Amino acid sequence: MQIDLNSDLGESFGPWNMGDDPAMLDVVNSANIACGGHASDPETMFTTLKLAAERGVCVGAHPGFNDREGFGRRVIPMNPDEIGRMVAAQIGALTSVARMVPVKVRYVKPHGALGNLSARDPDVARAIAETVRQIDPTLAILAISGTCTEQAARAADVPVFSEIFADRGYLSTGQLVPRDQPGAMIHDAAVAADRLVAFLKSGEMPVIDGDPIPLKAQSICVHGDSPGAVAMAREVRARLQAEGVALKPFLSPT
């Protein structure tokens, strides 16, 4: 049994520091790097990409709504075609900076409110999938398991990998519990690790509004901006390895 461990990184901006990227990059296999929409800037992108390359960590673009004040966690009203062009611009920014490292951007994972909107809105999911295919047919999409994003990527013939979240609660629809509702976040690393071990053995994810639901996943996400994120990632990694689970990137870094 094997799985990837990923984290949302490169989310600092200027003098504002978000998370401990060097420490997290020592733990995870894949890094979803902010592209200047919800967070990041050219120097942050370059530094994070370089740190990832030095550690052999696979890198992906992490586009979100252009909303730094809200950290990309608010839906900005846009039609699907506009969202596609916004995503294209952010992927372009990261891939251009990546060439200066050099390192290859292997996949795209929508961030925050954009990721949740794509998970439930087939038109937005389709726009993102078509954008990724048009930019580079070898780019993959990392999608929330069992959602519209996953389905749209398959329909567009875009390579797709599915993820579950170590530190987020689930609804019976397979979507994440909104952050303003009880049960949205899991802060206890041991509880998170217990849930993941049980999931990998059963294939079923506990939800807050019903019976566990079946999900498939090739990757596990630990949010890099959460308090205690690195400690949680280390706990999850150690527990999974103790259970005989191999931790490997879902795509080769090169």
C-alpha atoms as a PDB file:
ATOM      1  CA  MET A   1       0.000   0.000   0.000  1.00  0.00           C
ATOM      2  CA  GLN A   2       1.339   3.431  -0.883  1.00  0.00           C
ATOM      3  CA  ILE A   3       0.099   7.018  -0.961  1.00  0.00           C
ATOM      4  CA  ASP A   4       1.381  10.568  -1.464  1.00  0.00           C
ATOM      5  CA  LEU A   5       1.485  13.274   1.199  1.00  0.00           C
ATOM      6  CA  ASN A   6       0.976  16.845  -0.072  1.00  0.00           C
ATOM      7  CA  SER A   7       0.723  20.339   1.381  1.00  0.00           C
ATOM      8  CA  ASP A   8      -0.312  23.830   0.207  1.00  0.00           C
ATOM      9  CA  LEU A   9       2.863  25.904   0.319  1.00  0.00           C
ATOM     10  CA  GLY A  10       4.446  29.105  -0.983  1.00  0.00           C
ATOM     11  CA  GLU A  11       1.671  31.147   0.606  1.00  0.00           C
ATOM     12  CA  SER A  12       3.795  33.936   2.062  1.00  0.00           C
ATOM     13  CA  PHE A  13       3.760  37.425   0.544  1.00  0.00           C
ATOM     14  CA  GLY A  14       6.473  40.061   0.892  1.00  0.00           C
ATOM     15  CA  PRO A  15       7.303  40.379   4.609  1.00  0.00           C
ATOM     16  CA  TRP A  16       4.217  38.368   5.612  1.00  0.00           C
ATOM     17  CA  ASN A  17       5.210  34.771   6.414  1.00  0.00           C
ATOM     18  CA  MET A  18       2.703  31.949   6.241  1.00  0.00           C
ATOM     19  CA  GLY A  19       3.673  28.511   7.509  1.00  0.00           C
ATOM     20  CA  ASP A  20       7.055  26.775   7.720  1.00  0.00           C
ATOM     21  CA  ASP A  21       7.714  25.694   4.148  1.00  0.00           C
ATOM     22  CA  PRO A  22      11.281  24.352   4.628  1.00  0.00           C
ATOM     23  CA  ALA A  23      10.176  22.091   7.467  1.00  0.00           C
ATOM     24  CA  MET A  24       7.051  20.919   5.633  1.00  0.00           C
ATOM     25  CA  LEU A  25       9.066  20.144   2.512  1.00  0.00           C
ATOM     26  CA  ASP A  26      11.142  17.738   4.593  1.00  0.00           C
ATOM     27  CA  VAL A  27       7.959  15.754   5.300  1.00  0.00           C
ATOM     28  CA  VAL A  28       5.733  15.796   2.190  1.00  0.00           C
ATOM     29  CA  ASN A  29       6.117  14.219  -1.243  1.00  0.00           C
ATOM     30  CA  SER A  30       4.275  16.908  -3.244  1.00  0.00           C
ATOM     31  CA  ALA A  31       3.890  20.670  -2.878  1.00  0.00           C
ATOM     32  CA  ASN A  32       0.945  22.708  -4.166  1.00  0.00           C
ATOM     33  CA  ILE A  33       2.509  26.137  -4.672  1.00  0.00           C
ATOM     34  CA  ALA A  34       0.488  29.359  -4.644  1.00  0.00           C
ATOM     35  CA  CYS A  35       0.645  31.289  -7.919  1.00  0.00           C
ATOM     36  CA  GLY A  36       0.000  34.902  -6.897  1.00  0.00           C
ATOM     37  CA  GLY A  37      -3.793  34.801  -6.674  1.00  0.00           C
ATOM     38  CA  HIS A  38      -4.754  34.080  -3.068  1.00  0.00           C
ATOM     39  CA  ALA A  39      -1.130  34.427  -1.915  1.00  0.00           C
ATOM     40  CA  SER A  40       2.549  34.447  -2.955  1.00  0.00           C
ATOM     41  CA  ASP A  41       4.761  36.665  -5.102  1.00  0.00           C
ATOM     42  CA  PRO A  42       7.604  35.949  -7.558  1.00  0.00           C
ATOM     43  CA  GLU A  43      10.293  35.675  -4.860  1.00  0.00           C
ATOM     44  CA  THR A  44       8.156  33.370  -2.719  1.00  0.00           C
ATOM     45  CA  MET A  45       7.391  31.191  -5.743  1.00  0.00           C
ATOM     46  CA  PHE A  46      11.067  30.950  -6.674  1.00  0.00           C
ATOM     47  CA  THR A  47      12.217  30.184  -3.128  1.00  0.00           C
ATOM     48  CA  THR A  48       9.561  27.521  -2.574  1.00  0.00           C
ATOM     49  CA  LEU A  49      10.171  25.899  -5.957  1.00  0.00           C
ATOM     50  CA  LYS A  50      13.923  25.819  -5.288  1.00  0.00           C
ATOM     51  CA  LEU A  51      13.478  24.277  -1.837  1.00  0.00           C
ATOM     52  CA  ALA A  52      11.175  21.638  -3.316  1.00  0.00           C
ATOM     53  CA  ALA A  53      13.596  20.846  -6.139  1.00  0.00           C
ATOM     54  CA  GLU A  54      16.470  20.436  -3.669  1.00  0.00           C
ATOM     55  CA  ARG A  55      14.441  17.870  -1.740  1.00  0.00           C
ATOM     56  CA  GLY A  56      13.092  15.995  -4.762  1.00  0.00           C
ATOM     57  CA  VAL A  57       9.522  17.050  -3.935  1.00  0.00           C
ATOM     58  CA  CYS A  58       7.037  17.048  -6.826  1.00  0.00           C
ATOM     59  CA  VAL A  59       5.521  20.506  -7.461  1.00  0.00           C
ATOM     60  CA  GLY A  60       2.109  21.611  -8.673  1.00  0.00           C
ATOM     61  CA  ALA A  61       0.355  24.922  -9.310  1.00  0.00           C
ATOM     62  CA  HIS A  62      -2.179  26.021  -6.689  1.00  0.00           C
ATOM     63  CA  PRO A  63      -4.339  28.709  -8.345  1.00  0.00           C
ATOM     64  CA  GLY A  64      -7.091  30.464  -6.401  1.00  0.00           C
ATOM     65  CA  PHE A  65      -9.361  33.477  -6.543  1.00  0.00           C
ATOM     66  CA  ASN A  66      -7.493  36.789  -6.686  1.00  0.00           C
ATOM     67  CA  ASP A  67      -8.337  37.592  -3.080  1.00  0.00           C
ATOM     68  CA  ARG A  68      -5.292  37.988  -0.858  1.00  0.00           C
ATOM     69  CA  GLU A  69      -7.309  39.735   1.859  1.00  0.00           C
ATOM     70  CA  GLY A  70      -9.583  36.689   2.119  1.00  0.00           C
ATOM     71  CA  PHE A  71      -6.777  34.200   1.427  1.00  0.00           C
ATOM     72  CA  GLY A  72      -8.806  32.845  -1.486  1.00  0.00           C
ATOM     73  CA  ARG A  73     -11.479  31.485   0.812  1.00  0.00           C
ATOM     74  CA  ARG A  74     -14.276  33.672  -0.582  1.00  0.00           C
ATOM     75  CA  VAL A  75     -16.023  33.032  -3.898  1.00  0.00           C
ATOM     76  CA  ILE A  76     -15.491  35.955  -6.302  1.00  0.00           C
ATOM     77  CA  PRO A  77     -18.411  36.100  -8.784  1.00  0.00           C
ATOM     78  CA  MET A  78     -17.015  35.118 -12.203  1.00  0.00           C
ATOM     79  CA  ASN A  79     -18.343  33.083 -15.091  1.00  0.00           C
ATOM     80  CA  PRO A  80     -16.622  29.771 -15.884  1.00  0.00           C
ATOM     81  CA  ASP A  81     -14.677  31.131 -18.888  1.00  0.00           C
ATOM     82  CA  GLU A  82     -13.299  33.967 -16.758  1.00  0.00           C
ATOM     83  CA  ILE A  83     -12.262  31.448 -14.122  1.00  0.00           C
ATOM     84  CA  GLY A  84     -10.475  29.425 -16.781  1.00  0.00           C
ATOM     85  CA  ARG A  85      -8.460  32.452 -17.920  1.00  0.00           C
ATOM     86  CA  MET A  86      -7.638  33.396 -14.328  1.00  0.00           C
ATOM     87  CA  VAL A  87      -6.361  29.861 -13.710  1.00  0.00           C
ATOM     88  CA  ALA A  88      -4.343  29.969 -16.945  1.00  0.00           C
ATOM     89  CA  ALA A  89      -2.623  33.214 -15.918  1.00  0.00           C
ATOM     90  CA  GLN A  90      -1.641  31.818 -12.530  1.00  0.00           C
ATOM     91  CA  ILE A  91      -0.358  28.531 -13.944  1.00  0.00           C
ATOM     92  CA  GLY A  92       1.655  30.556 -16.436  1.00  0.00           C
ATOM     93  CA  ALA A  93       3.194  32.640 -13.673  1.00  0.00           C
ATOM     94  CA  LEU A  94       4.357  29.612 -11.704  1.00  0.00           C
ATOM     95  CA  THR A  95       5.610  27.625 -14.688  1.00  0.00           C
ATOM     96  CA  SER A  96       7.617  30.632 -15.896  1.00  0.00           C
ATOM     97  CA  VAL A  97       9.302  31.082 -12.515  1.00  0.00           C
ATOM     98  CA  ALA A  98       9.843  27.307 -12.320  1.00  0.00           C
ATOM     99  CA  ARG A  99      11.959  27.406 -15.488  1.00  0.00           C
ATOM    100  CA  MET A 100      14.415  29.653 -13.665  1.00  0.00           C
ATOM    101  CA  VAL A 101      15.047  27.059 -10.915  1.00  0.00           C
ATOM    102  CA  PRO A 102      14.772  24.857 -13.070  1.00  0.00           C
ATOM    103  CA  VAL A 103      12.007  22.459 -12.021  1.00  0.00           C
ATOM    104  CA  LYS A 104       8.944  21.101 -13.805  1.00  0.00           C
ATOM    105  CA  VAL A 105       5.396  21.895 -12.659  1.00  0.00           C
ATOM    106  CA  ARG A 106       3.604  18.533 -12.899  1.00  0.00           C
ATOM    107  CA  TYR A 107       0.010  19.203 -11.850  1.00  0.00           C
ATOM    108  CA  VAL A 108      -2.673  21.736 -10.892  1.00  0.00           C
ATOM    109  CA  LYS A 109      -4.735  21.791  -7.684  1.00  0.00           C
ATOM    110  CA  PRO A 110      -7.397  24.528  -7.281  1.00  0.00           C
ATOM    111  CA  HIS A 111      -7.162  26.336  -3.944  1.00  0.00           C
ATOM    112  CA  GLY A 112      -9.713  27.139  -1.260  1.00  0.00           C
ATOM    113  CA  ALA A 113     -13.025  28.580  -2.418  1.00  0.00           C
ATOM    114  CA  LEU A 114     -12.118  27.895  -6.042  1.00  0.00           C
ATOM    115  CA  GLY A 115     -11.401  24.257  -5.259  1.00  0.00           C
ATOM    116  CA  ASN A 116     -14.654  23.878  -3.343  1.00  0.00           C
ATOM    117  CA  LEU A 117     -16.638  25.626  -6.094  1.00  0.00           C
ATOM    118  CA  SER A 118     -15.100  23.374  -8.729  1.00  0.00           C
ATOM    119  CA  ALA A 119     -15.907  20.355  -6.563  1.00  0.00           C
ATOM    120  CA  ARG A 120     -19.648  21.087  -6.706  1.00  0.00           C
ATOM    121  CA  ASP A 121     -20.117  23.078  -9.940  1.00  0.00           C
ATOM    122  CA  PRO A 122     -19.679  21.008 -13.134  1.00  0.00           C
ATOM    123  CA  ASP A 123     -19.341  24.097 -15.347  1.00  0.00           C
ATOM    124  CA  VAL A 124     -16.494  25.537 -13.282  1.00  0.00           C
ATOM    125  CA  ALA A 125     -14.853  22.113 -13.070  1.00  0.00           C
ATOM    126  CA  ARG A 126     -15.117  21.760 -16.850  1.00  0.00           C
ATOM    127  CA  ALA A 127     -13.580  25.203 -17.420  1.00  0.00           C
ATOM    128  CA  ILE A 128     -10.605  24.379 -15.200  1.00  0.00           C
ATOM    129  CA  ALA A 129     -10.076  20.963 -16.789  1.00  0.00           C
ATOM    130  CA  GLU A 130     -10.219  22.390 -20.319  1.00  0.00           C
ATOM    131  CA  THR A 131      -7.801  25.157 -19.333  1.00  0.00           C
ATOM    132  CA  VAL A 132      -5.276  22.664 -17.993  1.00  0.00           C
ATOM    133  CA  ARG A 133      -5.587  20.513 -21.118  1.00  0.00           C
ATOM    134  CA  GLN A 134      -5.075  23.491 -23.422  1.00  0.00           C
ATOM    135  CA  ILE A 135      -2.016  24.752 -21.523  1.00  0.00           C
ATOM    136  CA  ASP A 136      -0.250  21.389 -21.391  1.00  0.00           C
ATOM    137  CA  PRO A 137      -1.878  17.980 -22.004  1.00  0.00           C
ATOM    138  CA  THR A 138       0.769  16.376 -19.779  1.00  0.00           C
ATOM    139  CA  LEU A 139      -0.292  18.467 -16.759  1.00  0.00           C
ATOM    140  CA  ALA A 140      -2.392  16.523 -14.266  1.00  0.00           C
ATOM    141  CA  ILE A 141      -5.132  17.713 -11.919  1.00  0.00           C
ATOM    142  CA  LEU A 142      -5.161  16.897  -8.206  1.00  0.00           C
ATOM    143  CA  ALA A 143      -8.863  16.790  -7.309  1.00  0.00           C
ATOM    144  CA  ILE A 144     -10.936  16.382  -4.172  1.00  0.00           C
ATOM    145  CA  SER A 145     -11.970  12.729  -4.315  1.00  0.00           C
ATOM    146  CA  GLY A 146     -15.426  11.941  -5.682  1.00  0.00           C
ATOM    147  CA  THR A 147     -16.269  15.471  -6.870  1.00  0.00           C
ATOM    148  CA  CYS A 148     -17.071  17.338 -10.101  1.00  0.00           C
ATOM    149  CA  THR A 149     -13.402  18.299 -10.481  1.00  0.00           C
ATOM    150  CA  GLU A 150     -12.414  14.666 -10.699  1.00  0.00           C
ATOM    151  CA  GLN A 151     -15.210  13.872 -13.167  1.00  0.00           C
ATOM    152  CA  ALA A 152     -14.459  16.879 -15.399  1.00  0.00           C
ATOM    153  CA  ALA A 153     -10.771  15.989 -15.622  1.00  0.00           C
ATOM    154  CA  ARG A 154     -11.610  12.479 -16.780  1.00  0.00           C
ATOM    155  CA  ALA A 155     -14.106  13.817 -19.336  1.00  0.00           C
ATOM    156  CA  ALA A 156     -11.452  16.218 -20.705  1.00  0.00           C
ATOM    157  CA  ASP A 157      -8.889  13.392 -20.893  1.00  0.00           C
ATOM    158  CA  VAL A 158      -6.663  15.178 -18.372  1.00  0.00           C
ATOM    159  CA  PRO A 159      -4.593  12.952 -16.061  1.00  0.00           C
ATOM    160  CA  VAL A 160      -6.262  13.120 -12.662  1.00  0.00           C
ATOM    161  CA  PHE A 161      -5.302  12.041  -9.166  1.00  0.00           C
ATOM    162  CA  SER A 162      -7.586  12.249  -6.157  1.00  0.00           C
ATOM    163  CA  GLU A 163      -6.890  13.470  -2.649  1.00  0.00           C
ATOM    164  CA  ILE A 164      -8.346  13.322   0.807  1.00  0.00           C
ATOM    165  CA  PHE A 165      -7.639  15.754   3.636  1.00  0.00           C
ATOM    166  CA  ALA A 166      -5.945  14.892   6.898  1.00  0.00           C
ATOM    167  CA  ASP A 167      -7.225  17.956   8.735  1.00  0.00           C
ATOM    168  CA  ARG A 168     -10.684  18.629   7.255  1.00  0.00           C
ATOM    169  CA  GLY A 169     -14.141  17.258   8.040  1.00  0.00           C
ATOM    170  CA  TYR A 170     -16.346  15.761   5.333  1.00  0.00           C
ATOM    171  CA  LEU A 171     -19.990  15.938   4.306  1.00  0.00           C
ATOM    172  CA  SER A 172     -21.952  12.982   2.946  1.00  0.00           C
ATOM    173  CA  THR A 173     -21.686  14.589  -0.528  1.00  0.00           C
ATOM    174  CA  GLY A 174     -17.920  14.042  -0.431  1.00  0.00           C
ATOM    175  CA  GLN A 175     -17.328  17.776  -0.153  1.00  0.00           C
ATOM    176  CA  LEU A 176     -15.503  19.444   2.725  1.00  0.00           C
ATOM    177  CA  VAL A 177     -17.350  20.913   5.681  1.00  0.00           C
ATOM    178  CA  PRO A 178     -17.350  24.725   5.233  1.00  0.00           C
ATOM    179  CA  ARG A 179     -14.785  26.335   7.501  1.00  0.00           C
ATOM    180  CA  ASP A 180     -17.429  28.386   9.344  1.00  0.00           C
ATOM    181  CA  GLN A 181     -19.277  25.259  10.488  1.00  0.00           C
ATOM    182  CA  PRO A 182     -18.549  22.923  13.422  1.00  0.00           C
ATOM    183  CA  GLY A 183     -16.450  19.921  12.484  1.00  0.00           C
ATOM    184  CA  ALA A 184     -14.676  21.677   9.611  1.00  0.00           C
ATOM    185  CA  MET A 185     -11.165  21.342  11.020  1.00  0.00           C
ATOM    186  CA  ILE A 186      -9.275  18.577  12.794  1.00  0.00           C
ATOM    187  CA  HIS A 187      -6.546  20.044  14.989  1.00  0.00           C
ATOM    188  CA  ASP A 188      -5.455  16.939  16.913  1.00  0.00           C
ATOM    189  CA  ALA A 189      -2.679  15.177  14.973  1.00  0.00           C
ATOM    190  CA  ALA A 190      -3.363  11.815  16.619  1.00  0.00           C
ATOM    191  CA  VAL A 191      -7.065  11.991  15.711  1.00  0.00           C
ATOM    192  CA  ALA A 192      -6.171  12.900  12.124  1.00  0.00           C
ATOM    193  CA  ALA A 193      -3.706  10.014  11.873  1.00  0.00           C
ATOM    194  CA  ASP A 194      -6.207   7.531  13.360  1.00  0.00           C
ATOM    195  CA  ARG A 195      -8.829   8.567  10.797  1.00  0.00           C
ATOM    196  CA  LEU A 196      -6.391   8.197   7.898  1.00  0.00           C
ATOM    197  CA  VAL A 197      -5.206   4.765   8.977  1.00  0.00           C
ATOM    198  CA  ALA A 198      -8.830   3.614   9.295  1.00  0.00           C
ATOM    199  CA  PHE A 199      -9.641   5.089   5.873  1.00  0.00           C
ATOM    200  CA  LEU A 200      -6.743   3.317   4.157  1.00  0.00           C
ATOM    201  CA  LYS A 201      -7.874   0.021   5.644  1.00  0.00           C
ATOM    202  CA  SER A 202     -11.581   0.425   4.856  1.00  0.00           C
ATOM    203  CA  GLY A 203     -11.806   2.870   1.942  1.00  0.00           C
ATOM    204  CA  GLU A 204     -14.539   4.741   3.838  1.00  0.00           C
ATOM    205  CA  MET A 205     -14.398   8.299   5.165  1.00  0.00           C
ATOM    206  CA  PRO A 206     -16.379   9.384   8.260  1.00  0.00           C
ATOM    207  CA  VAL A 207     -18.733  12.332   7.659  1.00  0.00           C
ATOM    208  CA  ILE A 208     -20.515  14.714  10.020  1.00  0.00           C
ATOM    209  CA  ASP A 209     -23.997  14.153   8.557  1.00  0.00           C
ATOM    210  CA  GLY A 210     -24.406  10.431   7.987  1.00  0.00           C
ATOM    211  CA  ASP A 211     -22.718   7.101   7.495  1.00  0.00           C
ATOM    212  CA  PRO A 212     -19.124   6.870   6.189  1.00  0.00           C
ATOM    213  CA  ILE A 213     -18.778   7.250   2.433  1.00  0.00           C
ATOM    214  CA  PRO A 214     -16.487   5.344   0.036  1.00  0.00           C
ATOM    215  CA  LEU A 215     -13.661   7.412  -1.451  1.00  0.00           C
ATOM    216  CA  LYS A 216     -10.523   6.669  -3.431  1.00  0.00           C
ATOM    217  CA  ALA A 217      -7.322   8.637  -3.079  1.00  0.00           C
ATOM    218  CA  GLN A 218      -3.743   8.729  -4.275  1.00  0.00           C
ATOM    219  CA  SER A 219      -2.761  11.635  -2.011  1.00  0.00           C
ATOM    220  CA  ILE A 220      -3.361  13.066   1.459  1.00  0.00           C
ATOM    221  CA  CYS A 221      -3.289  16.833   2.074  1.00  0.00           C
ATOM    222  CA  VAL A 222      -2.137  18.580   5.237  1.00  0.00           C
ATOM    223  CA  HIS A 223      -2.751  22.341   5.048  1.00  0.00           C
ATOM    224  CA  GLY A 224       0.524  24.226   5.444  1.00  0.00           C
ATOM    225  CA  ASP A 225      -1.089  27.321   6.979  1.00  0.00           C
ATOM    226  CA  SER A 226      -2.847  25.525   9.847  1.00  0.00           C
ATOM    227  CA  PRO A 227      -1.492  25.882  13.403  1.00  0.00           C
ATOM    228  CA  GLY A 228       0.696  22.895  14.141  1.00  0.00           C
ATOM    229  CA  ALA A 229       0.726  21.888  10.459  1.00  0.00           C
ATOM    230  CA  VAL A 230       4.269  20.514  10.453  1.00  0.00           C
ATOM    231  CA  ALA A 231       3.683  18.524  13.648  1.00  0.00           C
ATOM    232  CA  MET A 232       0.523  17.052  12.144  1.00  0.00           C
ATOM    233  CA  ALA A 233       2.301  16.146   8.913  1.00  0.00           C
ATOM    234  CA  ARG A 234       5.088  14.437  10.860  1.00  0.00           C
ATOM    235  CA  GLU A 235       2.582  12.511  12.978  1.00  0.00           C
ATOM    236  CA  VAL A 236       0.615  11.415   9.919  1.00  0.00           C
ATOM    237  CA  ARG A 237       3.782  10.327   8.098  1.00  0.00           C
ATOM    238  CA  ALA A 238       5.088   8.379  11.086  1.00  0.00           C
ATOM    239  CA  ARG A 239       1.764   6.622  11.703  1.00  0.00           C
ATOM    240  CA  LEU A 240       1.301   5.651   8.069  1.00  0.00           C
ATOM    241  CA  GLN A 241       4.825   4.286   7.842  1.00  0.00           C
ATOM    242  CA  ALA A 242       4.281   2.340  11.065  1.00  0.00           C
ATOM    243  CA  GLU A 243       1.259   0.743   9.386  1.00  0.00           C
ATOM    244  CA  GLY A 244       3.429  -0.333   6.452  1.00  0.00           C
ATOM    245  CA  VAL A 245       2.207   2.369   4.071  1.00  0.00           C
ATOM    246  CA  ALA A 246       4.883   3.612   1.642  1.00  0.00           C
ATOM    247  CA  LEU A 247       4.861   7.379   1.083  1.00  0.00           C
ATOM    248  CA  LYS A 248       5.685   8.233  -2.533  1.00  0.00           C
ATOM    249  CA  PRO A 249       4.712  11.090  -4.874  1.00  0.00           C
ATOM    250  CA  PHE A 250       1.779  10.351  -7.173  1.00  0.00           C
ATOM    251  CA  LEU A 251       3.869  11.795 -10.025  1.00  0.00           C
ATOM    252  CA  SER A 252       7.596  11.840 -10.632  1.00  0.00           C
ATOM    253  CA  PRO A 253       9.140  15.246  -9.805  1.00  0.00           C
ATOM    254  CA  THR A 254      10.816  15.326 -13.244  1.00  0.00           C
END
